Amino acid sequence: SLRLSCAASGRTFSSAIMAWFRQASGKEREFVA
């Protein structure tokens, strides 16, 4: 297991949706959550 964190700053009030994507080496970026 592993836990990732994303810290947001700036005008965060405008961000209604937060997401995680991932990109493996040599592959396209894909949606995670």
PDB file of all heavy atoms in Angstrom:
ATOM      1  N   SER A   1       0.823  -1.204   0.000  1.00  0.00           N
ATOM      2  CA  SER A   1       0.000   0.000   0.000  1.00  0.00           C
ATOM      3  C   SER A   1       0.856   1.253   0.000  1.00  0.00           C
ATOM      4  O   SER A   1       2.012   1.247   0.427  1.00  0.00           O
ATOM      5  CB  SER A   1      -0.913   0.030   1.228  1.00  0.00           C
ATOM      6  OG  SER A   1      -1.783  -1.083   1.257  1.00  0.00           O
ATOM      7  N   LEU A   2       0.260   2.329  -0.474  1.00  0.00           N
ATOM      8  CA  LEU A   2       0.926   3.614  -0.515  1.00  0.00           C
ATOM      9  C   LEU A   2      -0.143   4.696  -0.507  1.00  0.00           C
ATOM     10  O   LEU A   2      -1.225   4.511  -1.079  1.00  0.00           O
ATOM     11  CB  LEU A   2       1.777   3.726  -1.776  1.00  0.00           C
ATOM     12  CG  LEU A   2       2.971   4.685  -1.779  1.00  0.00           C
ATOM     13  CD1 LEU A   2       3.987   4.274  -0.723  1.00  0.00           C
ATOM     14  CD2 LEU A   2       3.617   4.694  -3.158  1.00  0.00           C
ATOM     15  N   ARG A   3       0.151   5.812   0.123  1.00  0.00           N
ATOM     16  CA  ARG A   3      -0.790   6.916   0.178  1.00  0.00           C
ATOM     17  C   ARG A   3      -0.173   8.153  -0.454  1.00  0.00           C
ATOM     18  O   ARG A   3       0.899   8.602  -0.043  1.00  0.00           O
ATOM     19  CB  ARG A   3      -1.179   7.227   1.622  1.00  0.00           C
ATOM     20  CG  ARG A   3      -2.274   8.284   1.766  1.00  0.00           C
ATOM     21  CD  ARG A   3      -2.635   8.505   3.229  1.00  0.00           C
ATOM     22  NE  ARG A   3      -3.692   9.489   3.397  1.00  0.00           N
ATOM     23  CZ  ARG A   3      -4.984   9.210   3.377  1.00  0.00           C
ATOM     24  NH1 ARG A   3      -5.397   7.957   3.203  1.00  0.00           N
ATOM     25  NH2 ARG A   3      -5.882  10.178   3.541  1.00  0.00           N
ATOM     26  N   LEU A   4      -0.850   8.710  -1.440  1.00  0.00           N
ATOM     27  CA  LEU A   4      -0.412   9.916  -2.107  1.00  0.00           C
ATOM     28  C   LEU A   4      -1.217  11.108  -1.615  1.00  0.00           C
ATOM     29  O   LEU A   4      -2.389  10.972  -1.262  1.00  0.00           O
ATOM     30  CB  LEU A   4      -0.580   9.799  -3.621  1.00  0.00           C
ATOM     31  CG  LEU A   4       0.065   8.598  -4.306  1.00  0.00           C
ATOM     32  CD1 LEU A   4      -0.183   8.669  -5.806  1.00  0.00           C
ATOM     33  CD2 LEU A   4       1.554   8.541  -4.010  1.00  0.00           C
ATOM     34  N   SER A   5      -0.591  12.267  -1.610  1.00  0.00           N
ATOM     35  CA  SER A   5      -1.272  13.486  -1.204  1.00  0.00           C
ATOM     36  C   SER A   5      -1.078  14.565  -2.254  1.00  0.00           C
ATOM     37  O   SER A   5      -0.056  14.606  -2.932  1.00  0.00           O
ATOM     38  CB  SER A   5      -0.742  13.978   0.148  1.00  0.00           C
ATOM     39  OG  SER A   5      -1.043  13.068   1.181  1.00  0.00           O
ATOM     40  N   CYS A   6      -2.066  15.427  -2.369  1.00  0.00           N
ATOM     41  CA  CYS A   6      -2.013  16.561  -3.278  1.00  0.00           C
ATOM     42  C   CYS A   6      -2.392  17.805  -2.501  1.00  0.00           C
ATOM     43  O   CYS A   6      -3.526  17.921  -2.020  1.00  0.00           O
ATOM     44  CB  CYS A   6      -2.970  16.354  -4.454  1.00  0.00           C
ATOM     45  SG  CYS A   6      -3.119  17.789  -5.546  1.00  0.00           S
ATOM     46  N   ALA A   7      -1.448  18.711  -2.373  1.00  0.00           N
ATOM     47  CA  ALA A   7      -1.692  19.959  -1.670  1.00  0.00           C
ATOM     48  C   ALA A   7      -2.002  21.050  -2.683  1.00  0.00           C
ATOM     49  O   ALA A   7      -1.231  21.272  -3.615  1.00  0.00           O
ATOM     50  CB  ALA A   7      -0.477  20.341  -0.839  1.00  0.00           C
ATOM     51  N   ALA A   8      -3.127  21.717  -2.494  1.00  0.00           N
ATOM     52  CA  ALA A   8      -3.558  22.765  -3.405  1.00  0.00           C
ATOM     53  C   ALA A   8      -3.425  24.133  -2.755  1.00  0.00           C
ATOM     54  O   ALA A   8      -3.680  24.308  -1.566  1.00  0.00           O
ATOM     55  CB  ALA A   8      -5.001  22.540  -3.840  1.00  0.00           C
ATOM     56  N   SER A   9      -3.021  25.104  -3.549  1.00  0.00           N
ATOM     57  CA  SER A   9      -2.919  26.475  -3.072  1.00  0.00           C
ATOM     58  C   SER A   9      -3.351  27.420  -4.186  1.00  0.00           C
ATOM     59  O   SER A   9      -3.506  27.017  -5.330  1.00  0.00           O
ATOM     60  CB  SER A   9      -1.496  26.795  -2.615  1.00  0.00           C
ATOM     61  OG  SER A   9      -0.572  26.670  -3.688  1.00  0.00           O
ATOM     62  N   GLY A  10      -3.534  28.682  -3.832  1.00  0.00           N
ATOM     63  CA  GLY A  10      -3.995  29.650  -4.807  1.00  0.00           C
ATOM     64  C   GLY A  10      -5.504  29.794  -4.747  1.00  0.00           C
ATOM     65  O   GLY A  10      -6.107  29.675  -3.681  1.00  0.00           O
ATOM     66  N   ARG A  11      -6.120  30.015  -5.889  1.00  0.00           N
ATOM     67  CA  ARG A  11      -7.565  30.230  -5.952  1.00  0.00           C
ATOM     68  C   ARG A  11      -8.316  28.908  -6.007  1.00  0.00           C
ATOM     69  O   ARG A  11      -8.982  28.585  -6.995  1.00  0.00           O
ATOM     70  CB  ARG A  11      -7.896  31.104  -7.152  1.00  0.00           C
ATOM     71  CG  ARG A  11      -7.226  32.469  -7.080  1.00  0.00           C
ATOM     72  CD  ARG A  11      -7.533  33.321  -8.282  1.00  0.00           C
ATOM     73  NE  ARG A  11      -6.839  34.603  -8.222  1.00  0.00           N
ATOM     74  CZ  ARG A  11      -6.917  35.540  -9.143  1.00  0.00           C
ATOM     75  NH1 ARG A  11      -7.669  35.347 -10.220  1.00  0.00           N
ATOM     76  NH2 ARG A  11      -6.233  36.673  -8.998  1.00  0.00           N
ATOM     77  N   THR A  12      -8.203  28.156  -4.914  1.00  0.00           N
ATOM     78  CA  THR A  12      -8.793  26.823  -4.873  1.00  0.00           C
ATOM     79  C   THR A  12     -10.318  26.824  -4.816  1.00  0.00           C
ATOM     80  O   THR A  12     -10.938  25.791  -5.057  1.00  0.00           O
ATOM     81  CB  THR A  12      -8.249  26.033  -3.671  1.00  0.00           C
ATOM     82  OG1 THR A  12      -8.486  26.767  -2.465  1.00  0.00           O
ATOM     83  CG2 THR A  12      -6.749  25.804  -3.820  1.00  0.00           C
ATOM     84  N   PHE A  13     -10.905  27.957  -4.490  1.00  0.00           N
ATOM     85  CA  PHE A  13     -12.363  28.035  -4.430  1.00  0.00           C
ATOM     86  C   PHE A  13     -12.998  27.741  -5.772  1.00  0.00           C
ATOM     87  O   PHE A  13     -14.158  27.333  -5.846  1.00  0.00           O
ATOM     88  CB  PHE A  13     -12.802  29.425  -3.948  1.00  0.00           C
ATOM     89  CG  PHE A  13     -12.559  30.525  -4.940  1.00  0.00           C
ATOM     90  CD1 PHE A  13     -13.540  30.886  -5.857  1.00  0.00           C
ATOM     91  CD2 PHE A  13     -11.351  31.200  -4.967  1.00  0.00           C
ATOM     92  CE1 PHE A  13     -13.321  31.890  -6.786  1.00  0.00           C
ATOM     93  CE2 PHE A  13     -11.114  32.208  -5.884  1.00  0.00           C
ATOM     94  CZ  PHE A  13     -12.107  32.548  -6.798  1.00  0.00           C
ATOM     95  N   SER A  14     -12.253  27.948  -6.834  1.00  0.00           N
ATOM     96  CA  SER A  14     -12.773  27.750  -8.180  1.00  0.00           C
ATOM     97  C   SER A  14     -12.672  26.301  -8.649  1.00  0.00           C
ATOM     98  O   SER A  14     -13.216  25.959  -9.702  1.00  0.00           O
ATOM     99  CB  SER A  14     -12.034  28.651  -9.168  1.00  0.00           C
ATOM    100  OG  SER A  14     -10.661  28.329  -9.240  1.00  0.00           O
ATOM    101  N   SER A  15     -11.984  25.461  -7.888  1.00  0.00           N
ATOM    102  CA  SER A  15     -11.793  24.066  -8.279  1.00  0.00           C
ATOM    103  C   SER A  15     -12.847  23.190  -7.628  1.00  0.00           C
ATOM    104  O   SER A  15     -12.719  22.810  -6.470  1.00  0.00           O
ATOM    105  CB  SER A  15     -10.390  23.590  -7.905  1.00  0.00           C
ATOM    106  OG  SER A  15      -9.401  24.354  -8.566  1.00  0.00           O
ATOM    107  N   ALA A  16     -13.877  22.865  -8.387  1.00  0.00           N
ATOM    108  CA  ALA A  16     -14.970  22.060  -7.874  1.00  0.00           C
ATOM    109  C   ALA A  16     -14.667  20.564  -7.882  1.00  0.00           C
ATOM    110  O   ALA A  16     -15.254  19.807  -7.122  1.00  0.00           O
ATOM    111  CB  ALA A  16     -16.237  22.329  -8.675  1.00  0.00           C
ATOM    112  N   ILE A  17     -13.760  20.162  -8.757  1.00  0.00           N
ATOM    113  CA  ILE A  17     -13.413  18.758  -8.907  1.00  0.00           C
ATOM    114  C   ILE A  17     -11.904  18.563  -8.844  1.00  0.00           C
ATOM    115  O   ILE A  17     -11.152  19.261  -9.517  1.00  0.00           O
ATOM    116  CB  ILE A  17     -13.955  18.202 -10.234  1.00  0.00           C
ATOM    117  CG1 ILE A  17     -15.469  18.356 -10.292  1.00  0.00           C
ATOM    118  CG2 ILE A  17     -13.550  16.739 -10.408  1.00  0.00           C
ATOM    119  CD1 ILE A  17     -16.059  18.065 -11.651  1.00  0.00           C
ATOM    120  N   MET A  18     -11.473  17.616  -8.041  1.00  0.00           N
ATOM    121  CA  MET A  18     -10.071  17.251  -7.946  1.00  0.00           C
ATOM    122  C   MET A  18      -9.936  15.804  -8.389  1.00  0.00           C
ATOM    123  O   MET A  18     -10.814  14.987  -8.125  1.00  0.00           O
ATOM    124  CB  MET A  18      -9.550  17.411  -6.524  1.00  0.00           C
ATOM    125  CG  MET A  18      -9.675  18.825  -5.972  1.00  0.00           C
ATOM    126  SD  MET A  18      -8.536  19.982  -6.783  1.00  0.00           S
ATOM    127  CE  MET A  18      -6.965  19.412  -6.129  1.00  0.00           C
ATOM    128  N   ALA A  19      -8.842  15.496  -9.048  1.00  0.00           N
ATOM    129  CA  ALA A  19      -8.679  14.155  -9.596  1.00  0.00           C
ATOM    130  C   ALA A  19      -7.234  13.697  -9.567  1.00  0.00           C
ATOM    131  O   ALA A  19      -6.306  14.490  -9.408  1.00  0.00           O
ATOM    132  CB  ALA A  19      -9.212  14.113 -11.028  1.00  0.00           C
ATOM    133  N   TRP A  20      -7.069  12.395  -9.729  1.00  0.00           N
ATOM    134  CA  TRP A  20      -5.762  11.782  -9.904  1.00  0.00           C
ATOM    135  C   TRP A  20      -5.715  11.107 -11.263  1.00  0.00           C
ATOM    136  O   TRP A  20      -6.645  10.382 -11.638  1.00  0.00           O
ATOM    137  CB  TRP A  20      -5.475  10.741  -8.819  1.00  0.00           C
ATOM    138  CG  TRP A  20      -5.192  11.317  -7.474  1.00  0.00           C
ATOM    139  CD1 TRP A  20      -6.068  11.511  -6.454  1.00  0.00           C
ATOM    140  CD2 TRP A  20      -3.915  11.765  -7.000  1.00  0.00           C
ATOM    141  NE1 TRP A  20      -5.429  12.054  -5.372  1.00  0.00           N
ATOM    142  CE2 TRP A  20      -4.107  12.225  -5.675  1.00  0.00           C
ATOM    143  CE3 TRP A  20      -2.637  11.823  -7.559  1.00  0.00           C
ATOM    144  CZ2 TRP A  20      -3.057  12.736  -4.905  1.00  0.00           C
ATOM    145  CZ3 TRP A  20      -1.605  12.337  -6.797  1.00  0.00           C
ATOM    146  CH2 TRP A  20      -1.819  12.784  -5.491  1.00  0.00           C
ATOM    147  N   PHE A  21      -4.642  11.360 -11.976  1.00  0.00           N
ATOM    148  CA  PHE A  21      -4.337  10.678 -13.222  1.00  0.00           C
ATOM    149  C   PHE A  21      -2.982  10.004 -13.048  1.00  0.00           C
ATOM    150  O   PHE A  21      -2.238  10.308 -12.113  1.00  0.00           O
ATOM    151  CB  PHE A  21      -4.273  11.659 -14.390  1.00  0.00           C
ATOM    152  CG  PHE A  21      -5.607  12.150 -14.871  1.00  0.00           C
ATOM    153  CD1 PHE A  21      -6.318  13.096 -14.158  1.00  0.00           C
ATOM    154  CD2 PHE A  21      -6.147  11.666 -16.054  1.00  0.00           C
ATOM    155  CE1 PHE A  21      -7.542  13.556 -14.599  1.00  0.00           C
ATOM    156  CE2 PHE A  21      -7.371  12.119 -16.516  1.00  0.00           C
ATOM    157  CZ  PHE A  21      -8.072  13.060 -15.782  1.00  0.00           C
ATOM    158  N   ARG A  22      -2.645   9.108 -13.947  1.00  0.00           N
ATOM    159  CA  ARG A  22      -1.332   8.487 -13.910  1.00  0.00           C
ATOM    160  C   ARG A  22      -0.839   8.234 -15.319  1.00  0.00           C
ATOM    161  O   ARG A  22      -1.623   8.075 -16.244  1.00  0.00           O
ATOM    162  CB  ARG A  22      -1.348   7.180 -13.106  1.00  0.00           C
ATOM    163  CG  ARG A  22      -2.166   6.066 -13.739  1.00  0.00           C
ATOM    164  CD  ARG A  22      -2.234   4.876 -12.799  1.00  0.00           C
ATOM    165  NE  ARG A  22      -2.968   3.763 -13.380  1.00  0.00           N
ATOM    166  CZ  ARG A  22      -3.262   2.649 -12.733  1.00  0.00           C
ATOM    167  NH1 ARG A  22      -2.876   2.502 -11.459  1.00  0.00           N
ATOM    168  NH2 ARG A  22      -3.931   1.675 -13.331  1.00  0.00           N
ATOM    169  N   GLN A  23       0.470   8.203 -15.456  1.00  0.00           N
ATOM    170  CA  GLN A  23       1.073   7.969 -16.750  1.00  0.00           C
ATOM    171  C   GLN A  23       2.278   7.054 -16.592  1.00  0.00           C
ATOM    172  O   GLN A  23       3.274   7.430 -15.973  1.00  0.00           O
ATOM    173  CB  GLN A  23       1.498   9.279 -17.406  1.00  0.00           C
ATOM    174  CG  GLN A  23       2.029   9.116 -18.816  1.00  0.00           C
ATOM    175  CD  GLN A  23       2.176  10.441 -19.538  1.00  0.00           C
ATOM    176  OE1 GLN A  23       2.252  11.496 -18.906  1.00  0.00           O
ATOM    177  NE2 GLN A  23       2.193  10.399 -20.853  1.00  0.00           N
ATOM    178  N   ALA A  24       2.170   5.872 -17.151  1.00  0.00           N
ATOM    179  CA  ALA A  24       3.279   4.930 -17.139  1.00  0.00           C
ATOM    180  C   ALA A  24       4.260   5.298 -18.243  1.00  0.00           C
ATOM    181  O   ALA A  24       3.891   5.933 -19.232  1.00  0.00           O
ATOM    182  CB  ALA A  24       2.771   3.511 -17.332  1.00  0.00           C
ATOM    183  N   SER A  25       5.497   4.897 -18.079  1.00  0.00           N
ATOM    184  CA  SER A  25       6.528   5.202 -19.064  1.00  0.00           C
ATOM    185  C   SER A  25       6.137   4.679 -20.440  1.00  0.00           C
ATOM    186  O   SER A  25       5.795   3.507 -20.593  1.00  0.00           O
ATOM    187  CB  SER A  25       7.855   4.582 -18.629  1.00  0.00           C
ATOM    188  OG  SER A  25       8.877   4.863 -19.550  1.00  0.00           O
ATOM    189  N   GLY A  26       6.160   5.572 -21.418  1.00  0.00           N
ATOM    190  CA  GLY A  26       5.833   5.190 -22.778  1.00  0.00           C
ATOM    191  C   GLY A  26       4.358   5.055 -23.076  1.00  0.00           C
ATOM    192  O   GLY A  26       3.985   4.676 -24.184  1.00  0.00           O
ATOM    193  N   LYS A  27       3.503   5.363 -22.102  1.00  0.00           N
ATOM    194  CA  LYS A  27       2.068   5.234 -22.293  1.00  0.00           C
ATOM    195  C   LYS A  27       1.366   6.573 -22.099  1.00  0.00           C
ATOM    196  O   LYS A  27       1.953   7.537 -21.610  1.00  0.00           O
ATOM    197  CB  LYS A  27       1.495   4.205 -21.322  1.00  0.00           C
ATOM    198  CG  LYS A  27       2.053   2.807 -21.505  1.00  0.00           C
ATOM    199  CD  LYS A  27       1.419   1.826 -20.543  1.00  0.00           C
ATOM    200  CE  LYS A  27       1.968   0.428 -20.736  1.00  0.00           C
ATOM    201  NZ  LYS A  27       1.354  -0.532 -19.787  1.00  0.00           N
ATOM    202  N   GLU A  28       0.104   6.624 -22.482  1.00  0.00           N
ATOM    203  CA  GLU A  28      -0.682   7.834 -22.341  1.00  0.00           C
ATOM    204  C   GLU A  28      -1.187   7.992 -20.916  1.00  0.00           C
ATOM    205  O   GLU A  28      -1.356   7.019 -20.183  1.00  0.00           O
ATOM    206  CB  GLU A  28      -1.859   7.825 -23.318  1.00  0.00           C
ATOM    207  CG  GLU A  28      -1.443   7.844 -24.773  1.00  0.00           C
ATOM    208  CD  GLU A  28      -2.621   7.935 -25.709  1.00  0.00           C
ATOM    209  OE1 GLU A  28      -3.767   7.805 -25.242  1.00  0.00           O
ATOM    210  OE2 GLU A  28      -2.393   8.149 -26.904  1.00  0.00           O
ATOM    211  N   ARG A  29      -1.425   9.233 -20.542  1.00  0.00           N
ATOM    212  CA  ARG A  29      -1.958   9.511 -19.224  1.00  0.00           C
ATOM    213  C   ARG A  29      -3.397   9.003 -19.119  1.00  0.00           C
ATOM    214  O   ARG A  29      -4.189   9.167 -20.046  1.00  0.00           O
ATOM    215  CB  ARG A  29      -1.904  11.012 -18.956  1.00  0.00           C
ATOM    216  CG  ARG A  29      -2.171  11.405 -17.519  1.00  0.00           C
ATOM    217  CD  ARG A  29      -1.859  12.879 -17.301  1.00  0.00           C
ATOM    218  NE  ARG A  29      -0.462  13.176 -17.584  1.00  0.00           N
ATOM    219  CZ  ARG A  29       0.082  14.382 -17.442  1.00  0.00           C
ATOM    220  NH1 ARG A  29      -0.657  15.399 -17.019  1.00  0.00           N
ATOM    221  NH2 ARG A  29       1.360  14.572 -17.728  1.00  0.00           N
ATOM    222  N   GLU A  30      -3.735   8.394 -17.976  1.00  0.00           N
ATOM    223  CA  GLU A  30      -5.061   7.846 -17.798  1.00  0.00           C
ATOM    224  C   GLU A  30      -5.688   8.281 -16.480  1.00  0.00           C
ATOM    225  O   GLU A  30      -4.994   8.543 -15.493  1.00  0.00           O
ATOM    226  CB  GLU A  30      -5.031   6.316 -17.866  1.00  0.00           C
ATOM    227  CG  GLU A  30      -4.236   5.659 -16.752  1.00  0.00           C
ATOM    228  CD  GLU A  30      -4.303   4.142 -16.793  1.00  0.00           C
ATOM    229  OE1 GLU A  30      -5.091   3.597 -17.587  1.00  0.00           O
ATOM    230  OE2 GLU A  30      -3.557   3.497 -16.025  1.00  0.00           O
ATOM    231  N   PHE A  31      -6.999   8.331 -16.477  1.00  0.00           N
ATOM    232  CA  PHE A  31      -7.765   8.710 -15.306  1.00  0.00           C
ATOM    233  C   PHE A  31      -7.693   7.637 -14.238  1.00  0.00           C
ATOM    234  O   PHE A  31      -7.742   6.441 -14.535  1.00  0.00           O
ATOM    235  CB  PHE A  31      -9.223   8.946 -15.712  1.00  0.00           C
ATOM    236  CG  PHE A  31     -10.151   9.168 -14.564  1.00  0.00           C
ATOM    237  CD1 PHE A  31     -10.208  10.390 -13.923  1.00  0.00           C
ATOM    238  CD2 PHE A  31     -10.983   8.148 -14.125  1.00  0.00           C
ATOM    239  CE1 PHE A  31     -11.079  10.604 -12.865  1.00  0.00           C
ATOM    240  CE2 PHE A  31     -11.856   8.343 -13.078  1.00  0.00           C
ATOM    241  CZ  PHE A  31     -11.900   9.582 -12.442  1.00  0.00           C
ATOM    242  N   VAL A  32      -7.598   8.063 -12.980  1.00  0.00           N
ATOM    243  CA  VAL A  32      -7.556   7.135 -11.861  1.00  0.00           C
ATOM    244  C   VAL A  32      -8.768   7.321 -10.949  1.00  0.00           C
ATOM    245  O   VAL A  32      -9.519   6.381 -10.686  1.00  0.00           O
ATOM    246  CB  VAL A  32      -6.263   7.300 -11.037  1.00  0.00           C
ATOM    247  CG1 VAL A  32      -6.296   6.385  -9.816  1.00  0.00           C
ATOM    248  CG2 VAL A  32      -5.044   6.999 -11.897  1.00  0.00           C
ATOM    249  N   ALA A  33      -8.962   8.536 -10.457  1.00  0.00           N
ATOM    250  CA  ALA A  33     -10.056   8.808  -9.528  1.00  0.00           C
ATOM    251  C   ALA A  33     -10.332  10.297  -9.466  1.00  0.00           C
ATOM    252  O   ALA A  33      -9.467  11.114  -9.788  1.00  0.00           O
ATOM    253  CB  ALA A  33      -9.709   8.277  -8.133  1.00  0.00           C
TER     254      ALA A  33
END
